Amino acid sequence: MYLTPEKKQEFFAKYGENAQDTGNAEGQIAMFSFRIAHLTEHLKLNRKDVNTQRSLITLVGKRRRLLDYLMRKDIERYRSIVKDLGLRR
Protein backbone atom coordinates (compact mmCIF):
# COMPACT_ATOMS: atom_id res chain seq x y z
CA MET A 1 0.00 0.00 0.00
CA TYR A 2 1.39 3.36 -0.98
CA LEU A 3 -0.27 5.40 1.80
CA THR A 4 0.57 3.82 5.13
CA PRO A 5 -0.65 5.13 8.50
CA GLU A 6 2.89 6.32 9.23
CA LYS A 7 2.92 8.32 6.00
CA LYS A 8 -0.43 9.91 6.94
CA GLN A 9 0.90 10.88 10.37
CA GLU A 10 3.93 12.39 8.69
CA PHE A 11 1.72 14.65 6.54
CA PHE A 12 -0.34 15.84 9.50
CA ALA A 13 2.76 16.36 11.65
CA LYS A 14 4.54 18.36 8.95
CA TYR A 15 1.69 20.48 7.65
CA GLY A 16 -0.69 20.49 10.61
CA GLU A 17 -0.33 21.58 14.18
CA ASN A 18 0.18 18.02 15.45
CA ALA A 19 0.01 14.47 14.12
CA GLN A 20 -3.25 13.69 15.96
CA ASP A 21 -5.25 16.52 14.33
CA THR A 22 -6.35 14.71 11.17
CA GLY A 23 -9.06 17.26 10.43
CA ASN A 24 -6.52 19.98 9.75
CA ALA A 25 -7.07 21.47 6.28
CA GLU A 26 -3.37 21.77 5.45
CA GLY A 27 -2.70 18.12 6.33
CA GLN A 28 -5.65 16.95 4.27
CA ILE A 29 -4.55 19.05 1.29
CA ALA A 30 -1.04 17.60 1.50
CA MET A 31 -2.39 14.06 1.71
CA PHE A 32 -4.74 14.64 -1.24
CA SER A 33 -1.83 16.07 -3.26
CA PHE A 34 0.24 12.95 -2.56
CA ARG A 35 -2.64 10.70 -3.63
CA ILE A 36 -3.27 12.81 -6.75
CA ALA A 37 0.38 12.50 -7.79
CA HIS A 38 0.25 8.73 -7.25
CA LEU A 39 -2.92 8.30 -9.29
CA THR A 40 -1.58 10.53 -12.06
CA GLU A 41 1.47 8.30 -12.43
CA HIS A 42 -0.78 5.24 -12.50
CA LEU A 43 -2.94 6.75 -15.24
CA LYS A 44 0.11 7.52 -17.38
CA LEU A 45 0.70 3.77 -17.60
CA ASN A 46 -2.95 2.63 -17.61
CA ARG A 47 -4.87 5.06 -19.79
CA LYS A 48 -8.04 2.98 -19.96
CA ASP A 49 -8.52 2.70 -16.19
CA VAL A 50 -11.77 4.64 -15.93
CA ASN A 51 -12.36 3.97 -12.21
CA THR A 52 -9.00 5.47 -11.28
CA GLN A 53 -9.66 8.42 -13.54
CA ARG A 54 -12.96 9.05 -11.76
CA SER A 55 -11.24 8.79 -8.37
CA LEU A 56 -8.60 11.26 -9.49
CA ILE A 57 -11.22 13.80 -10.57
CA THR A 58 -13.01 13.36 -7.24
CA LEU A 59 -9.79 13.94 -5.28
CA VAL A 60 -8.94 17.05 -7.27
CA GLY A 61 -12.40 18.43 -6.49
CA LYS A 62 -12.02 17.71 -2.78
CA ARG A 63 -8.62 19.39 -2.69
CA ARG A 64 -10.01 22.38 -4.59
CA ARG A 65 -12.88 22.77 -2.10
CA LEU A 66 -10.47 22.60 0.84
CA LEU A 67 -8.20 25.19 -0.79
CA ASP A 68 -11.19 27.49 -1.39
CA TYR A 69 -12.26 27.07 2.24
CA LEU A 70 -8.76 27.87 3.45
CA MET A 71 -8.57 30.92 1.18
CA ARG A 72 -11.83 32.27 2.66
CA LYS A 73 -10.83 31.60 6.28
CA ASP A 74 -7.12 32.50 6.37
CA ILE A 75 -5.32 33.75 3.26
CA GLU A 76 -1.86 33.44 4.84
CA ARG A 77 -2.33 29.73 5.59
CA TYR A 78 -3.60 29.28 2.04
CA ARG A 79 -0.58 31.01 0.51
CA SER A 80 1.86 29.03 2.65
CA ILE A 81 0.36 25.61 1.77
CA VAL A 82 0.23 26.46 -1.95
CA LYS A 83 3.86 27.54 -1.81
CA ASP A 84 4.99 24.48 0.21
CA LEU A 85 3.26 22.00 -2.08
CA GLY A 86 4.08 23.85 -5.30
CA LEU A 87 0.49 23.98 -6.51
CA ARG A 88 -0.39 26.08 -9.53
CA ARG A 89 -2.80 28.75 -8.38
PDB file of N, CA and C in Angstrom:
ATOM      1  N   MET A   1       0.846  -1.180   0.000  1.00  0.00           N
ATOM      2  CA  MET A   1       0.000   0.000   0.000  1.00  0.00           C
ATOM      3  C   MET A   1       0.888   1.238   0.000  1.00  0.00           C
ATOM      4  N   TYR A   2       0.544   2.188  -0.823  1.00  0.00           N
ATOM      5  CA  TYR A   2       1.388   3.361  -0.981  1.00  0.00           C
ATOM      6  C   TYR A   2       1.176   4.415   0.100  1.00  0.00           C
ATOM      7  N   LEU A   3       0.027   4.393   0.778  1.00  0.00           N
ATOM      8  CA  LEU A   3      -0.270   5.396   1.795  1.00  0.00           C
ATOM      9  C   LEU A   3      -0.479   4.691   3.131  1.00  0.00           C
ATOM     10  N   THR A   4       0.605   4.525   3.856  1.00  0.00           N
ATOM     11  CA  THR A   4       0.567   3.823   5.133  1.00  0.00           C
ATOM     12  C   THR A   4       0.132   4.784   6.241  1.00  0.00           C
ATOM     13  N   PRO A   5      -0.296   4.253   7.378  1.00  0.00           N
ATOM     14  CA  PRO A   5      -0.654   5.135   8.502  1.00  0.00           C
ATOM     15  C   PRO A   5       0.513   6.016   8.956  1.00  0.00           C
ATOM     16  N   GLU A   6       1.729   5.507   8.853  1.00  0.00           N
ATOM     17  CA  GLU A   6       2.892   6.316   9.232  1.00  0.00           C
ATOM     18  C   GLU A   6       3.062   7.509   8.284  1.00  0.00           C
ATOM     19  N   LYS A   7       2.804   7.252   6.997  1.00  0.00           N
ATOM     20  CA  LYS A   7       2.915   8.321   6.004  1.00  0.00           C
ATOM     21  C   LYS A   7       1.847   9.390   6.257  1.00  0.00           C
ATOM     22  N   LYS A   8       0.637   8.964   6.619  1.00  0.00           N
ATOM     23  CA  LYS A   8      -0.433   9.913   6.937  1.00  0.00           C
ATOM     24  C   LYS A   8      -0.051  10.766   8.139  1.00  0.00           C
ATOM     25  N   GLN A   9       0.484  10.129   9.187  1.00  0.00           N
ATOM     26  CA  GLN A   9       0.895  10.883  10.368  1.00  0.00           C
ATOM     27  C   GLN A   9       1.989  11.885  10.027  1.00  0.00           C
ATOM     28  N   GLU A  10       2.865  11.491   9.110  1.00  0.00           N
ATOM     29  CA  GLU A  10       3.934  12.391   8.687  1.00  0.00           C
ATOM     30  C   GLU A  10       3.366  13.653   8.036  1.00  0.00           C
ATOM     31  N   PHE A  11       2.341  13.492   7.177  1.00  0.00           N
ATOM     32  CA  PHE A  11       1.717  14.650   6.543  1.00  0.00           C
ATOM     33  C   PHE A  11       1.094  15.578   7.572  1.00  0.00           C
ATOM     34  N   PHE A  12       0.346  15.001   8.511  1.00  0.00           N
ATOM     35  CA  PHE A  12      -0.339  15.835   9.499  1.00  0.00           C
ATOM     36  C   PHE A  12       0.641  16.452  10.487  1.00  0.00           C
ATOM     37  N   ALA A  13       1.757  15.786  10.766  1.00  0.00           N
ATOM     38  CA  ALA A  13       2.762  16.362  11.653  1.00  0.00           C
ATOM     39  C   ALA A  13       3.502  17.506  10.955  1.00  0.00           C
ATOM     40  N   LYS A  14       3.782  17.345   9.672  1.00  0.00           N
ATOM     41  CA  LYS A  14       4.545  18.356   8.947  1.00  0.00           C
ATOM     42  C   LYS A  14       3.712  19.584   8.613  1.00  0.00           C
ATOM     43  N   TYR A  15       2.501  19.368   8.116  1.00  0.00           N
ATOM     44  CA  TYR A  15       1.688  20.484   7.649  1.00  0.00           C
ATOM     45  C   TYR A  15       0.636  20.942   8.651  1.00  0.00           C
ATOM     46  N   GLY A  16       0.299  20.118   9.620  1.00  0.00           N
ATOM     47  CA  GLY A  16      -0.690  20.492  10.614  1.00  0.00           C
ATOM     48  C   GLY A  16      -0.031  20.971  11.885  1.00  0.00           C
ATOM     49  N   GLU A  17      -0.852  21.137  12.899  1.00  0.00           N
ATOM     50  CA  GLU A  17      -0.333  21.578  14.185  1.00  0.00           C
ATOM     51  C   GLU A  17       0.266  20.409  14.962  1.00  0.00           C
ATOM     52  N   ASN A  18      -0.373  19.230  14.860  1.00  0.00           N
ATOM     53  CA  ASN A  18       0.183  18.024  15.454  1.00  0.00           C
ATOM     54  C   ASN A  18      -0.287  16.814  14.648  1.00  0.00           C
ATOM     55  N   ALA A  19       0.307  15.663  14.909  1.00  0.00           N
ATOM     56  CA  ALA A  19       0.012  14.465  14.117  1.00  0.00           C
ATOM     57  C   ALA A  19      -1.370  13.901  14.427  1.00  0.00           C
ATOM     58  N   GLN A  20      -1.950  14.239  15.569  1.00  0.00           N
ATOM     59  CA  GLN A  20      -3.252  13.689  15.958  1.00  0.00           C
ATOM     60  C   GLN A  20      -4.423  14.461  15.359  1.00  0.00           C
ATOM     61  N   ASP A  21      -4.183  15.678  14.885  1.00  0.00           N
ATOM     62  CA  ASP A  21      -5.248  16.521  14.326  1.00  0.00           C
ATOM     63  C   ASP A  21      -5.425  16.197  12.846  1.00  0.00           C
ATOM     64  N   THR A  22      -6.184  15.141  12.557  1.00  0.00           N
ATOM     65  CA  THR A  22      -6.348  14.708  11.168  1.00  0.00           C
ATOM     66  C   THR A  22      -7.390  15.523  10.421  1.00  0.00           C
ATOM     67  N   GLY A  23      -8.078  16.412  11.089  1.00  0.00           N
ATOM     68  CA  GLY A  23      -9.061  17.262  10.431  1.00  0.00           C
ATOM     69  C   GLY A  23      -8.471  18.562   9.936  1.00  0.00           C
ATOM     70  N   ASN A  24      -7.186  18.762  10.158  1.00  0.00           N
ATOM     71  CA  ASN A  24      -6.521  19.984   9.751  1.00  0.00           C
ATOM     72  C   ASN A  24      -6.539  20.110   8.230  1.00  0.00           C
ATOM     73  N   ALA A  25      -6.929  21.273   7.719  1.00  0.00           N
ATOM     74  CA  ALA A  25      -7.075  21.469   6.277  1.00  0.00           C
ATOM     75  C   ALA A  25      -5.737  21.320   5.551  1.00  0.00           C
ATOM     76  N   GLU A  26      -4.662  21.859   6.116  1.00  0.00           N
ATOM     77  CA  GLU A  26      -3.365  21.769   5.455  1.00  0.00           C
ATOM     78  C   GLU A  26      -2.898  20.322   5.332  1.00  0.00           C
ATOM     79  N   GLY A  27      -3.092  19.531   6.370  1.00  0.00           N
ATOM     80  CA  GLY A  27      -2.702  18.124   6.330  1.00  0.00           C
ATOM     81  C   GLY A  27      -3.511  17.345   5.313  1.00  0.00           C
ATOM     82  N   GLN A  28      -4.804  17.631   5.248  1.00  0.00           N
ATOM     83  CA  GLN A  28      -5.651  16.948   4.272  1.00  0.00           C
ATOM     84  C   GLN A  28      -5.272  17.331   2.849  1.00  0.00           C
ATOM     85  N   ILE A  29      -4.957  18.601   2.620  1.00  0.00           N
ATOM     86  CA  ILE A  29      -4.554  19.049   1.288  1.00  0.00           C
ATOM     87  C   ILE A  29      -3.252  18.379   0.880  1.00  0.00           C
ATOM     88  N   ALA A  30      -2.315  18.261   1.807  1.00  0.00           N
ATOM     89  CA  ALA A  30      -1.039  17.601   1.503  1.00  0.00           C
ATOM     90  C   ALA A  30      -1.261  16.121   1.188  1.00  0.00           C
ATOM     91  N   MET A  31      -2.117  15.472   1.952  1.00  0.00           N
ATOM     92  CA  MET A  31      -2.385  14.057   1.713  1.00  0.00           C
ATOM     93  C   MET A  31      -3.090  13.863   0.364  1.00  0.00           C
ATOM     94  N   PHE A  32      -4.059  14.720   0.050  1.00  0.00           N
ATOM     95  CA  PHE A  32      -4.736  14.636  -1.239  1.00  0.00           C
ATOM     96  C   PHE A  32      -3.747  14.868  -2.382  1.00  0.00           C
ATOM     97  N   SER A  33      -2.812  15.801  -2.207  1.00  0.00           N
ATOM     98  CA  SER A  33      -1.826  16.068  -3.256  1.00  0.00           C
ATOM     99  C   SER A  33      -0.945  14.855  -3.501  1.00  0.00           C
ATOM    100  N   PHE A  34      -0.566  14.167  -2.429  1.00  0.00           N
ATOM    101  CA  PHE A  34       0.236  12.946  -2.564  1.00  0.00           C
ATOM    102  C   PHE A  34      -0.539  11.878  -3.327  1.00  0.00           C
ATOM    103  N   ARG A  35      -1.808  11.705  -2.968  1.00  0.00           N
ATOM    104  CA  ARG A  35      -2.638  10.704  -3.635  1.00  0.00           C
ATOM    105  C   ARG A  35      -2.885  11.067  -5.095  1.00  0.00           C
ATOM    106  N   ILE A  36      -3.063  12.357  -5.373  1.00  0.00           N
ATOM    107  CA  ILE A  36      -3.270  12.809  -6.751  1.00  0.00           C
ATOM    108  C   ILE A  36      -2.033  12.520  -7.593  1.00  0.00           C
ATOM    109  N   ALA A  37      -0.860  12.785  -7.057  1.00  0.00           N
ATOM    110  CA  ALA A  37       0.377  12.502  -7.790  1.00  0.00           C
ATOM    111  C   ALA A  37       0.518  11.010  -8.062  1.00  0.00           C
ATOM    112  N   HIS A  38       0.165  10.184  -7.074  1.00  0.00           N
ATOM    113  CA  HIS A  38       0.255   8.733  -7.246  1.00  0.00           C
ATOM    114  C   HIS A  38      -0.706   8.250  -8.337  1.00  0.00           C
ATOM    115  N   LEU A  39      -1.942   8.713  -8.300  1.00  0.00           N
ATOM    116  CA  LEU A  39      -2.924   8.295  -9.293  1.00  0.00           C
ATOM    117  C   LEU A  39      -2.580   8.814 -10.690  1.00  0.00           C
ATOM    118  N   THR A  40      -1.984   9.988 -10.768  1.00  0.00           N
ATOM    119  CA  THR A  40      -1.584  10.531 -12.060  1.00  0.00           C
ATOM    120  C   THR A  40      -0.523   9.652 -12.705  1.00  0.00           C
ATOM    121  N   GLU A  41       0.443   9.205 -11.913  1.00  0.00           N
ATOM    122  CA  GLU A  41       1.473   8.304 -12.431  1.00  0.00           C
ATOM    123  C   GLU A  41       0.858   6.976 -12.883  1.00  0.00           C
ATOM    124  N   HIS A  42      -0.111   6.490 -12.126  1.00  0.00           N
ATOM    125  CA  HIS A  42      -0.785   5.241 -12.496  1.00  0.00           C
ATOM    126  C   HIS A  42      -1.518   5.396 -13.831  1.00  0.00           C
ATOM    127  N   LEU A  43      -2.174   6.544 -14.009  1.00  0.00           N
ATOM    128  CA  LEU A  43      -2.939   6.750 -15.236  1.00  0.00           C
ATOM    129  C   LEU A  43      -2.049   6.973 -16.454  1.00  0.00           C
ATOM    130  N   LYS A  44      -0.814   7.398 -16.243  1.00  0.00           N
ATOM    131  CA  LYS A  44       0.105   7.521 -17.376  1.00  0.00           C
ATOM    132  C   LYS A  44       0.408   6.147 -17.976  1.00  0.00           C
ATOM    133  N   LEU A  45       0.421   5.124 -17.125  1.00  0.00           N
ATOM    134  CA  LEU A  45       0.701   3.769 -17.599  1.00  0.00           C
ATOM    135  C   LEU A  45      -0.567   3.030 -18.014  1.00  0.00           C
ATOM    136  N   ASN A  46      -1.691   3.340 -17.381  1.00  0.00           N
ATOM    137  CA  ASN A  46      -2.953   2.632 -17.611  1.00  0.00           C
ATOM    138  C   ASN A  46      -4.028   3.622 -18.047  1.00  0.00           C
ATOM    139  N   ARG A  47      -3.980   4.013 -19.290  1.00  0.00           N
ATOM    140  CA  ARG A  47      -4.870   5.063 -19.786  1.00  0.00           C
ATOM    141  C   ARG A  47      -6.347   4.679 -19.779  1.00  0.00           C
ATOM    142  N   LYS A  48      -6.645   3.405 -19.869  1.00  0.00           N
ATOM    143  CA  LYS A  48      -8.041   2.978 -19.960  1.00  0.00           C
ATOM    144  C   LYS A  48      -8.678   2.670 -18.606  1.00  0.00           C
ATOM    145  N   ASP A  49      -8.003   2.965 -17.532  1.00  0.00           N
ATOM    146  CA  ASP A  49      -8.519   2.702 -16.193  1.00  0.00           C
ATOM    147  C   ASP A  49      -9.493   3.815 -15.800  1.00  0.00           C
ATOM    148  N   VAL A  50     -10.757   3.601 -16.108  1.00  0.00           N
ATOM    149  CA  VAL A  50     -11.768   4.643 -15.925  1.00  0.00           C
ATOM    150  C   VAL A  50     -12.080   4.868 -14.446  1.00  0.00           C
ATOM    151  N   ASN A  51     -12.054   3.815 -13.639  1.00  0.00           N
ATOM    152  CA  ASN A  51     -12.355   3.974 -12.214  1.00  0.00           C
ATOM    153  C   ASN A  51     -11.309   4.842 -11.526  1.00  0.00           C
ATOM    154  N   THR A  52     -10.052   4.643 -11.864  1.00  0.00           N
ATOM    155  CA  THR A  52      -9.002   5.465 -11.279  1.00  0.00           C
ATOM    156  C   THR A  52      -9.116   6.903 -11.761  1.00  0.00           C
ATOM    157  N   GLN A  53      -9.490   7.076 -13.002  1.00  0.00           N
ATOM    158  CA  GLN A  53      -9.663   8.420 -13.541  1.00  0.00           C
ATOM    159  C   GLN A  53     -10.775   9.157 -12.794  1.00  0.00           C
ATOM    160  N   ARG A  54     -11.859   8.456 -12.513  1.00  0.00           N
ATOM    161  CA  ARG A  54     -12.965   9.053 -11.765  1.00  0.00           C
ATOM    162  C   ARG A  54     -12.522   9.407 -10.343  1.00  0.00           C
ATOM    163  N   SER A  55     -11.751   8.525  -9.718  1.00  0.00           N
ATOM    164  CA  SER A  55     -11.240   8.788  -8.370  1.00  0.00           C
ATOM    165  C   SER A  55     -10.323   9.999  -8.360  1.00  0.00           C
ATOM    166  N   LEU A  56      -9.509  10.123  -9.392  1.00  0.00           N
ATOM    167  CA  LEU A  56      -8.599  11.262  -9.491  1.00  0.00           C
ATOM    168  C   LEU A  56      -9.380  12.565  -9.593  1.00  0.00           C
ATOM    169  N   ILE A  57     -10.404  12.584 -10.420  1.00  0.00           N
ATOM    170  CA  ILE A  57     -11.218  13.796 -10.574  1.00  0.00           C
ATOM    171  C   ILE A  57     -11.909  14.151  -9.261  1.00  0.00           C
ATOM    172  N   THR A  58     -12.373  13.138  -8.538  1.00  0.00           N
ATOM    173  CA  THR A  58     -13.008  13.364  -7.237  1.00  0.00           C
ATOM    174  C   THR A  58     -12.025  13.964  -6.240  1.00  0.00           C
ATOM    175  N   LEU A  59     -10.807  13.427  -6.204  1.00  0.00           N
ATOM    176  CA  LEU A  59      -9.793  13.939  -5.278  1.00  0.00           C
ATOM    177  C   LEU A  59      -9.406  15.377  -5.606  1.00  0.00           C
ATOM    178  N   VAL A  60      -9.283  15.681  -6.879  1.00  0.00           N
ATOM    179  CA  VAL A  60      -8.936  17.047  -7.275  1.00  0.00           C
ATOM    180  C   VAL A  60     -10.037  18.008  -6.824  1.00  0.00           C
ATOM    181  N   GLY A  61     -11.289  17.596  -6.942  1.00  0.00           N
ATOM    182  CA  GLY A  61     -12.397  18.434  -6.487  1.00  0.00           C
ATOM    183  C   GLY A  61     -12.393  18.640  -4.986  1.00  0.00           C
ATOM    184  N   LYS A  62     -12.088  17.582  -4.238  1.00  0.00           N
ATOM    185  CA  LYS A  62     -12.021  17.706  -2.779  1.00  0.00           C
ATOM    186  C   LYS A  62     -10.909  18.657  -2.369  1.00  0.00           C
ATOM    187  N   ARG A  63      -9.743  18.505  -3.021  1.00  0.00           N
ATOM    188  CA  ARG A  63      -8.624  19.394  -2.689  1.00  0.00           C
ATOM    189  C   ARG A  63      -8.958  20.829  -3.037  1.00  0.00           C
ATOM    190  N   ARG A  64      -9.632  21.036  -4.171  1.00  0.00           N
ATOM    191  CA  ARG A  64     -10.012  22.382  -4.591  1.00  0.00           C
ATOM    192  C   ARG A  64     -10.959  23.021  -3.572  1.00  0.00           C
ATOM    193  N   ARG A  65     -11.935  22.237  -3.095  1.00  0.00           N
ATOM    194  CA  ARG A  65     -12.880  22.773  -2.099  1.00  0.00           C
ATOM    195  C   ARG A  65     -12.165  23.126  -0.797  1.00  0.00           C
ATOM    196  N   LEU A  66     -11.220  22.292  -0.376  1.00  0.00           N
ATOM    197  CA  LEU A  66     -10.466  22.601   0.842  1.00  0.00           C
ATOM    198  C   LEU A  66      -9.614  23.852   0.649  1.00  0.00           C
ATOM    199  N   LEU A  67      -9.004  23.997  -0.521  1.00  0.00           N
ATOM    200  CA  LEU A  67      -8.203  25.195  -0.787  1.00  0.00           C
ATOM    201  C   LEU A  67      -9.082  26.444  -0.809  1.00  0.00           C
ATOM    202  N   ASP A  68     -10.269  26.342  -1.381  1.00  0.00           N
ATOM    203  CA  ASP A  68     -11.190  27.488  -1.389  1.00  0.00           C
ATOM    204  C   ASP A  68     -11.616  27.858   0.030  1.00  0.00           C
ATOM    205  N   TYR A  69     -11.896  26.838   0.845  1.00  0.00           N
ATOM    206  CA  TYR A  69     -12.258  27.073   2.244  1.00  0.00           C
ATOM    207  C   TYR A  69     -11.125  27.788   2.968  1.00  0.00           C
ATOM    208  N   LEU A  70      -9.906  27.290   2.772  1.00  0.00           N
ATOM    209  CA  LEU A  70      -8.757  27.872   3.451  1.00  0.00           C
ATOM    210  C   LEU A  70      -8.510  29.305   2.985  1.00  0.00           C
ATOM    211  N   MET A  71      -8.755  29.570   1.709  1.00  0.00           N
ATOM    212  CA  MET A  71      -8.571  30.922   1.183  1.00  0.00           C
ATOM    213  C   MET A  71      -9.578  31.879   1.813  1.00  0.00           C
ATOM    214  N   ARG A  72     -10.817  31.411   2.026  1.00  0.00           N
ATOM    215  CA  ARG A  72     -11.828  32.267   2.664  1.00  0.00           C
ATOM    216  C   ARG A  72     -11.515  32.517   4.134  1.00  0.00           C
ATOM    217  N   LYS A  73     -11.030  31.492   4.831  1.00  0.00           N
ATOM    218  CA  LYS A  73     -10.830  31.603   6.281  1.00  0.00           C
ATOM    219  C   LYS A  73      -9.539  32.307   6.657  1.00  0.00           C
ATOM    220  N   ASP A  74      -8.419  31.935   6.000  1.00  0.00           N
ATOM    221  CA  ASP A  74      -7.121  32.503   6.373  1.00  0.00           C
ATOM    222  C   ASP A  74      -6.216  32.500   5.146  1.00  0.00           C
ATOM    223  N   ILE A  75      -6.064  33.656   4.522  1.00  0.00           N
ATOM    224  CA  ILE A  75      -5.325  33.751   3.261  1.00  0.00           C
ATOM    225  C   ILE A  75      -3.845  33.439   3.447  1.00  0.00           C
ATOM    226  N   GLU A  76      -3.286  33.723   4.609  1.00  0.00           N
ATOM    227  CA  GLU A  76      -1.864  33.439   4.836  1.00  0.00           C
ATOM    228  C   GLU A  76      -1.597  31.936   4.889  1.00  0.00           C
ATOM    229  N   ARG A  77      -2.471  31.197   5.557  1.00  0.00           N
ATOM    230  CA  ARG A  77      -2.327  29.729   5.589  1.00  0.00           C
ATOM    231  C   ARG A  77      -2.473  29.156   4.191  1.00  0.00           C
ATOM    232  N   TYR A  78      -3.396  29.715   3.415  1.00  0.00           N
ATOM    233  CA  TYR A  78      -3.603  29.276   2.036  1.00  0.00           C
ATOM    234  C   TYR A  78      -2.338  29.497   1.208  1.00  0.00           C
ATOM    235  N   ARG A  79      -1.780  30.697   1.299  1.00  0.00           N
ATOM    236  CA  ARG A  79      -0.579  31.010   0.515  1.00  0.00           C
ATOM    237  C   ARG A  79       0.599  30.133   0.912  1.00  0.00           C
ATOM    238  N   SER A  80       0.733  29.846   2.211  1.00  0.00           N
ATOM    239  CA  SER A  80       1.860  29.027   2.648  1.00  0.00           C
ATOM    240  C   SER A  80       1.731  27.578   2.173  1.00  0.00           C
ATOM    241  N   ILE A  81       0.521  27.004   2.201  1.00  0.00           N
ATOM    242  CA  ILE A  81       0.358  25.610   1.775  1.00  0.00           C
ATOM    243  C   ILE A  81       0.520  25.496   0.260  1.00  0.00           C
ATOM    244  N   VAL A  82       0.064  26.485  -0.502  1.00  0.00           N
ATOM    245  CA  VAL A  82       0.233  26.456  -1.954  1.00  0.00           C
ATOM    246  C   VAL A  82       1.715  26.546  -2.303  1.00  0.00           C
ATOM    247  N   LYS A  83       2.433  27.383  -1.570  1.00  0.00           N
ATOM    248  CA  LYS A  83       3.863  27.540  -1.812  1.00  0.00           C
ATOM    249  C   LYS A  83       4.631  26.272  -1.417  1.00  0.00           C
ATOM    250  N   ASP A  84       4.294  25.689  -0.263  1.00  0.00           N
ATOM    251  CA  ASP A  84       4.989  24.484   0.206  1.00  0.00           C
ATOM    252  C   ASP A  84       4.779  23.298  -0.726  1.00  0.00           C
ATOM    253  N   LEU A  85       3.566  23.141  -1.235  1.00  0.00           N
ATOM    254  CA  LEU A  85       3.258  21.997  -2.081  1.00  0.00           C
ATOM    255  C   LEU A  85       3.541  22.262  -3.557  1.00  0.00           C
ATOM    256  N   GLY A  86       3.794  23.520  -3.912  1.00  0.00           N
ATOM    257  CA  GLY A  86       4.084  23.851  -5.299  1.00  0.00           C
ATOM    258  C   GLY A  86       2.889  23.705  -6.212  1.00  0.00           C
ATOM    259  N   LEU A  87       1.711  24.083  -5.711  1.00  0.00           N
ATOM    260  CA  LEU A  87       0.495  23.976  -6.511  1.00  0.00           C
ATOM    261  C   LEU A  87       0.385  25.195  -7.429  1.00  0.00           C
ATOM    262  N   ARG A  88      -0.181  24.973  -8.589  1.00  0.00           N
ATOM    263  CA  ARG A  88      -0.389  26.080  -9.529  1.00  0.00           C
ATOM    264  C   ARG A  88      -1.684  26.774  -9.165  1.00  0.00           C
ATOM    265  N   ARG A  89      -1.602  27.979  -8.661  1.00  0.00           N
ATOM    266  CA  ARG A  89      -2.799  28.749  -8.380  1.00  0.00           C
ATOM    267  C   ARG A  89      -2.401  30.116  -7.932  1.00  0.00           C
TER     268      ARG A  89
END
